[in-house]
Amino acid sequence: MEQFLERAALFRGQVFPAQSALYERLASHGQSPSALMISCADSRVVPELITQANPGDLFVCRNAGNIVPPFSQANGGVSSAVEYAVMALGVRDIVVCGHSDCGAMKAFSNPAALEKMPNVAAWLRHAHAAHSVVCNAYHGLDEHGTTRALSLENVVVQINHLRTHPSVASAIAQGKLTLHGWFFEIETGQIQAYNGDTGQFEQVYEGQPLPVAQRPAKRMVAADHLGIAAE
């Protein structure tokens, strides 16, 4: 741990002074991040570094496999983070970020490895839909290809889970929230984004429009039937 303490001292002595005004403002006025990023707990994937975000820019929730459990009344850290980000912080964007060489997705190819990790095995049940898609719709993949396909399909599954959360569903219907699905290539540093219109991941290029999983769009599907004028 000595190296981390040394780096903390370096931060306090050399990095913090140049950003002291920012930290003072965040301490006195609170946080107002514009986005929630749900990413994997993998040590190689650091959301703030990937996006070059400043303190206060991102509300981050990390877990094994960048999982978002479907909404339920059972309390959970991810569900609480989503609810707080949307309702208390008013974030306008939520990003589910998967990545290459994901250990959680590799586990599906080696279930025996999870026999001694019952909590991990139970957690990954939230990615079983992605596994089912790959097993039944993809053919002829090697181990690397299977892991990559699982990681990409898992991002789409978790975005679908997000939509089951009341806070998310309400914000989407009010046109206040955009959903994103990203895939980070560890080996190249590149990001691919899920395009909800085409159903494909697309390379992100600087200066080009960002593909999104779901755009903000006000909707009241029952308005015409109930004689309600949509705002």
Protein backbone atom coordinates (compact mmCIF):
# COMPACT_ATOMS: atom_id res chain seq x y z
CA MET A 1 0.00 0.00 0.00
CA GLU A 2 2.99 2.29 0.31
CA GLN A 3 2.81 3.24 -3.38
CA PHE A 4 -0.77 4.40 -3.01
CA LEU A 5 0.06 6.49 0.05
CA GLU A 6 2.97 8.04 -1.84
CA ARG A 7 0.68 8.89 -4.76
CA ALA A 8 -1.89 10.35 -2.36
CA ALA A 9 0.80 12.58 -0.92
CA LEU A 10 1.81 13.58 -4.45
CA PHE A 11 -1.80 14.45 -5.22
CA ARG A 12 -2.14 16.56 -2.09
CA GLY A 13 1.14 18.37 -2.61
CA GLN A 14 1.28 18.87 -6.40
CA VAL A 15 -2.08 18.16 -8.05
CA PHE A 16 -4.60 19.48 -5.53
CA PRO A 17 -3.20 23.05 -5.24
CA ALA A 18 -3.85 23.67 -8.94
CA GLN A 19 -7.46 22.51 -8.55
CA SER A 20 -8.15 23.82 -5.05
CA ALA A 21 -10.76 26.31 -6.28
CA LEU A 22 -12.68 23.52 -8.02
CA TYR A 23 -12.66 21.32 -4.93
CA GLU A 24 -13.67 24.24 -2.72
CA ARG A 25 -16.62 24.96 -5.00
CA LEU A 26 -17.66 21.28 -5.03
CA ALA A 27 -17.43 21.13 -1.24
CA SER A 28 -19.50 24.28 -0.71
CA HIS A 29 -22.06 23.91 -3.51
CA GLY A 30 -22.33 20.13 -3.79
CA GLN A 31 -22.17 17.98 -6.88
CA SER A 32 -24.13 18.33 -10.10
CA PRO A 33 -22.79 15.67 -12.48
CA SER A 34 -24.28 15.59 -15.95
CA ALA A 35 -24.06 11.83 -16.41
CA LEU A 36 -24.13 8.51 -14.60
CA MET A 37 -21.69 5.91 -15.87
CA ILE A 38 -22.21 2.27 -14.95
CA SER A 39 -19.02 0.42 -15.74
CA CYS A 40 -17.16 -2.72 -14.82
CA ALA A 41 -15.07 -2.88 -11.65
CA ASP A 42 -12.15 -4.14 -13.76
CA SER A 43 -9.04 -2.25 -12.65
CA ARG A 44 -8.11 -1.57 -16.28
CA VAL A 45 -11.29 0.41 -16.92
CA VAL A 46 -11.30 3.83 -15.24
CA PRO A 47 -14.31 5.94 -16.37
CA GLU A 48 -12.89 9.28 -15.24
CA LEU A 49 -9.62 8.61 -17.07
CA ILE A 50 -11.27 7.32 -20.25
CA THR A 51 -13.53 10.37 -20.50
CA GLN A 52 -10.98 12.81 -19.07
CA ALA A 53 -13.66 13.95 -16.64
CA ASN A 54 -12.99 16.48 -13.92
CA PRO A 55 -14.10 15.99 -10.32
CA GLY A 56 -17.85 16.52 -10.17
CA ASP A 57 -18.47 15.67 -13.84
CA LEU A 58 -19.41 11.99 -13.55
CA PHE A 59 -21.47 10.00 -11.09
CA VAL A 60 -19.91 6.53 -11.30
CA CYS A 61 -21.18 3.10 -10.31
CA ARG A 62 -18.82 0.16 -10.87
CA ASN A 63 -19.47 -3.54 -10.43
CA ALA A 64 -18.47 -6.90 -11.88
CA GLY A 65 -19.78 -7.07 -15.44
CA ASN A 66 -21.30 -3.55 -15.58
CA ILE A 67 -24.60 -5.08 -14.47
CA VAL A 68 -27.90 -3.27 -13.92
CA PRO A 69 -30.37 -5.60 -12.21
CA PRO A 70 -33.99 -5.20 -13.34
CA PHE A 71 -36.00 -3.10 -10.92
CA SER A 72 -37.32 -4.83 -7.81
CA GLN A 73 -38.25 -3.82 -4.28
CA ALA A 74 -35.12 -5.53 -2.94
CA ASN A 75 -32.53 -2.91 -2.08
CA GLY A 76 -29.31 -2.91 -4.10
CA GLY A 77 -26.35 -0.63 -4.66
CA VAL A 78 -26.78 -0.26 -8.41
CA SER A 79 -30.52 0.37 -8.21
CA SER A 80 -29.97 2.96 -5.48
CA ALA A 81 -27.27 4.69 -7.52
CA VAL A 82 -29.55 4.86 -10.57
CA GLU A 83 -32.47 6.22 -8.57
CA TYR A 84 -30.33 8.82 -6.79
CA ALA A 85 -28.57 9.93 -9.97
CA VAL A 86 -31.84 10.47 -11.84
CA MET A 87 -34.09 11.82 -9.10
CA ALA A 88 -31.72 13.68 -6.78
CA LEU A 89 -28.91 14.73 -9.09
CA GLY A 90 -30.96 15.10 -12.25
CA VAL A 91 -28.45 13.54 -14.60
CA ARG A 92 -29.42 13.83 -18.26
CA ASP A 93 -27.42 10.84 -19.53
CA ILE A 94 -26.76 7.29 -18.34
CA VAL A 95 -23.95 5.26 -19.88
CA VAL A 96 -23.58 1.49 -19.54
CA CYS A 97 -19.95 0.80 -20.41
CA GLY A 98 -18.68 -2.69 -21.20
CA HIS A 99 -15.13 -3.53 -22.24
CA SER A 100 -12.90 -6.02 -24.02
CA ASP A 101 -11.41 -9.05 -22.23
CA CYS A 102 -14.11 -8.90 -19.53
CA GLY A 103 -13.53 -11.51 -16.84
CA ALA A 104 -17.21 -11.58 -15.90
CA MET A 105 -18.17 -12.51 -19.46
CA LYS A 106 -15.33 -15.04 -19.66
CA ALA A 107 -16.87 -16.82 -16.68
CA PHE A 108 -19.76 -18.00 -18.84
CA SER A 109 -17.28 -20.10 -20.84
CA ASN A 110 -15.90 -21.64 -17.65
CA PRO A 111 -18.75 -22.09 -15.16
CA ALA A 112 -16.66 -24.42 -13.02
CA ALA A 113 -14.54 -21.43 -12.04
CA LEU A 114 -17.58 -19.94 -10.28
CA GLU A 115 -18.32 -22.94 -8.08
CA LYS A 116 -16.36 -21.41 -5.24
CA MET A 117 -17.74 -17.93 -5.90
CA PRO A 118 -21.50 -18.26 -5.32
CA ASN A 119 -22.06 -14.52 -4.99
CA VAL A 120 -20.42 -13.82 -8.34
CA ALA A 121 -22.40 -16.64 -9.96
CA ALA A 122 -25.66 -15.24 -8.56
CA TRP A 123 -24.77 -11.72 -9.68
CA LEU A 124 -24.07 -12.84 -13.24
CA ARG A 125 -27.57 -14.26 -13.61
CA HIS A 126 -28.44 -10.71 -14.67
CA ALA A 127 -26.35 -11.30 -17.80
CA HIS A 128 -27.88 -14.68 -18.71
CA ALA A 129 -30.01 -13.10 -21.45
CA ALA A 130 -26.83 -11.99 -23.24
CA HIS A 131 -25.40 -15.47 -22.85
CA SER A 132 -28.55 -16.99 -24.31
CA VAL A 133 -28.42 -14.65 -27.31
CA VAL A 134 -24.81 -15.54 -28.05
CA CYS A 135 -25.36 -19.28 -27.59
CA ASN A 136 -28.35 -19.39 -29.91
CA ALA A 137 -27.79 -16.61 -32.45
CA TYR A 138 -24.01 -16.68 -32.91
CA HIS A 139 -22.17 -19.62 -34.44
CA GLY A 140 -18.57 -20.57 -35.06
CA LEU A 141 -16.98 -18.18 -32.57
CA ASP A 142 -13.71 -18.95 -30.82
CA GLU A 143 -13.25 -18.17 -27.13
CA HIS A 144 -12.12 -14.60 -27.80
CA GLY A 145 -15.00 -13.97 -30.18
CA THR A 146 -17.49 -15.42 -27.72
CA THR A 147 -16.26 -13.16 -24.92
CA ARG A 148 -16.44 -10.12 -27.15
CA ALA A 149 -19.95 -10.96 -28.39
CA LEU A 150 -21.10 -11.56 -24.81
CA SER A 151 -19.65 -8.25 -23.66
CA LEU A 152 -21.41 -6.32 -26.43
CA GLU A 153 -24.75 -8.11 -26.03
CA ASN A 154 -24.52 -7.65 -22.27
CA VAL A 155 -24.42 -3.87 -22.68
CA VAL A 156 -27.69 -4.03 -24.63
CA VAL A 157 -29.28 -6.29 -22.00
CA GLN A 158 -28.33 -3.95 -19.18
CA ILE A 159 -29.77 -0.95 -21.05
CA ASN A 160 -33.03 -2.88 -21.30
CA HIS A 161 -32.86 -3.53 -17.56
CA LEU A 162 -32.39 0.20 -16.98
CA ARG A 163 -35.72 0.89 -18.64
CA THR A 164 -37.51 -1.16 -15.97
CA HIS A 165 -36.50 1.30 -13.24
CA PRO A 166 -39.35 3.74 -12.50
CA SER A 167 -37.08 6.77 -12.25
CA VAL A 168 -35.53 5.98 -15.62
CA ALA A 169 -38.84 5.17 -17.34
CA SER A 170 -40.37 8.41 -16.08
CA ALA A 171 -37.39 10.57 -17.11
CA ILE A 172 -37.35 9.00 -20.58
CA ALA A 173 -41.09 9.61 -21.04
CA GLN A 174 -40.57 13.25 -20.04
CA GLY A 175 -37.78 13.62 -22.60
CA LYS A 176 -35.22 14.35 -19.91
CA LEU A 177 -32.92 11.33 -20.16
CA THR A 178 -30.71 9.76 -22.82
CA LEU A 179 -29.38 6.21 -22.55
CA HIS A 180 -26.01 5.18 -23.95
CA GLY A 181 -24.24 1.88 -24.45
CA TRP A 182 -20.46 2.01 -24.77
CA PHE A 183 -17.78 -0.59 -25.35
CA PHE A 184 -14.20 0.27 -24.38
CA GLU A 185 -11.33 -1.45 -26.17
CA ILE A 186 -8.60 -1.81 -23.56
CA GLU A 187 -5.95 -2.63 -26.15
CA THR A 188 -6.62 0.39 -28.38
CA GLY A 189 -8.31 2.94 -26.12
CA GLN A 190 -11.15 3.26 -28.63
CA ILE A 191 -14.85 3.50 -27.76
CA GLN A 192 -17.74 2.06 -29.70
CA ALA A 193 -21.26 3.30 -29.00
CA TYR A 194 -24.54 1.43 -29.44
CA ASN A 195 -26.91 2.92 -31.99
CA GLY A 196 -30.46 2.16 -30.91
CA ASP A 197 -31.77 2.99 -34.38
CA THR A 198 -29.60 0.46 -36.22
CA GLY A 199 -29.09 -2.06 -33.42
CA GLN A 200 -25.31 -1.96 -33.98
CA PHE A 201 -22.23 -0.69 -32.18
CA GLU A 202 -20.42 2.03 -34.11
CA GLN A 203 -16.95 3.52 -33.79
CA VAL A 204 -16.92 6.91 -32.09
CA TYR A 205 -14.99 9.60 -33.93
CA GLU A 206 -14.11 13.07 -32.69
CA GLY A 207 -16.33 15.70 -34.27
CA GLN A 208 -18.94 13.19 -35.40
CA PRO A 209 -22.47 12.76 -33.96
CA LEU A 210 -22.49 10.33 -31.04
CA PRO A 211 -24.67 7.24 -31.57
CA VAL A 212 -27.08 6.77 -28.66
CA ALA A 213 -29.11 3.83 -27.41
CA GLN A 214 -32.22 5.89 -26.71
CA ARG A 215 -32.75 9.57 -27.38
CA PRO A 216 -34.88 11.78 -25.14
CA ALA A 217 -38.38 12.03 -26.58
CA LYS A 218 -41.52 13.05 -24.73
CA ARG A 219 -44.31 10.52 -25.01
CA MET A 220 -47.75 9.90 -23.52
CA VAL A 221 -49.10 6.85 -25.31
CA ALA A 222 -52.50 7.15 -23.63
CA ALA A 223 -52.97 10.88 -24.26
CA ASP A 224 -55.25 10.54 -27.29
CA HIS A 225 -57.42 7.92 -25.59
CA LEU A 226 -57.92 10.03 -22.48
CA GLY A 227 -58.28 13.42 -24.10
CA ILE A 228 -55.10 14.73 -22.52
CA ALA A 229 -53.08 17.41 -24.28
CA ALA A 230 -49.42 16.43 -24.23
CA GLU A 231 -47.14 19.31 -23.23
